[in-house]
Amino acid sequence: MSQKREIELCGEQTFLTCGADGAIAYGTEASPMTGSYRYEGYSVDTVDTTGAGDGFWMGQ
């Protein structure tokens, strides 16, 4: 099975976090966001990482 097909089986939209390298978003043809998108990471002054993942996903 191809990687593309594996991602499509996750649902209409899939978001992959890549740590300091940013994130990748993928939408199937059934999604309003069709195709793949790469978002570069950027530097921040980290104070506390509590809830960082929750904050990322709520921004979707």
Protein backbone atom coordinates (compact mmCIF):
# COMPACT_ATOMS: atom_id res chain seq x y z
CA MET A 1 0.00 0.00 0.00
CA SER A 2 1.34 3.45 -0.89
CA GLN A 3 1.96 6.14 1.73
CA LYS A 4 -0.63 8.32 0.01
CA ARG A 5 -3.26 5.59 0.37
CA GLU A 6 -2.36 5.02 4.03
CA ILE A 7 -2.83 8.74 4.72
CA GLU A 8 -6.15 8.78 2.84
CA LEU A 9 -7.41 5.98 5.10
CA CYS A 10 -6.90 8.29 8.12
CA GLY A 11 -9.79 10.51 6.97
CA GLU A 12 -10.53 13.44 4.70
CA GLN A 13 -7.90 15.62 6.39
CA THR A 14 -4.67 14.53 8.07
CA PHE A 15 -2.19 16.73 9.94
CA LEU A 16 1.31 15.53 10.81
CA THR A 17 3.52 17.42 13.25
CA CYS A 18 7.25 17.37 12.53
CA GLY A 19 8.64 19.11 15.62
CA ALA A 20 11.04 21.94 14.78
CA ASP A 21 10.57 21.13 11.08
CA GLY A 22 6.95 22.33 11.12
CA ALA A 23 3.90 20.37 10.00
CA ILE A 24 2.31 18.76 6.96
CA ALA A 25 -1.40 18.90 6.11
CA TYR A 26 -3.09 16.60 3.60
CA GLY A 27 -6.65 16.68 2.29
CA THR A 28 -8.35 14.12 0.05
CA GLU A 29 -10.53 15.13 -2.88
CA ALA A 30 -13.55 14.86 -0.54
CA SER A 31 -12.05 17.57 1.68
CA PRO A 32 -12.37 21.35 1.21
CA MET A 33 -8.55 21.37 1.49
CA THR A 34 -7.38 19.16 -1.39
CA GLY A 35 -3.69 18.30 -1.74
CA SER A 36 -0.69 18.47 0.57
CA TYR A 37 0.75 21.53 2.28
CA ARG A 38 4.02 21.98 4.16
CA TYR A 39 4.26 24.54 6.95
CA GLU A 40 7.77 25.44 8.07
CA GLY A 41 8.62 25.55 11.75
CA TYR A 42 9.90 28.71 13.39
CA SER A 43 11.80 29.60 16.55
CA VAL A 44 10.01 30.75 19.68
CA ASP A 45 11.12 31.48 23.24
CA THR A 46 9.59 28.53 25.10
CA VAL A 47 8.33 29.28 28.59
CA ASP A 48 6.29 26.13 29.26
CA THR A 49 5.35 23.24 26.95
CA THR A 50 2.27 22.20 28.94
CA GLY A 51 -0.63 22.02 26.48
CA ALA A 52 1.54 22.85 23.46
CA GLY A 53 0.12 19.99 21.40
CA ASP A 54 -3.44 20.87 22.43
CA GLY A 55 -2.81 24.47 21.36
CA PHE A 56 -1.50 23.33 17.98
CA TRP A 57 -4.53 21.15 17.26
CA MET A 58 -7.04 23.77 18.39
CA GLY A 59 -5.55 26.13 15.80
CA GLN A 60 -6.59 23.78 13.00
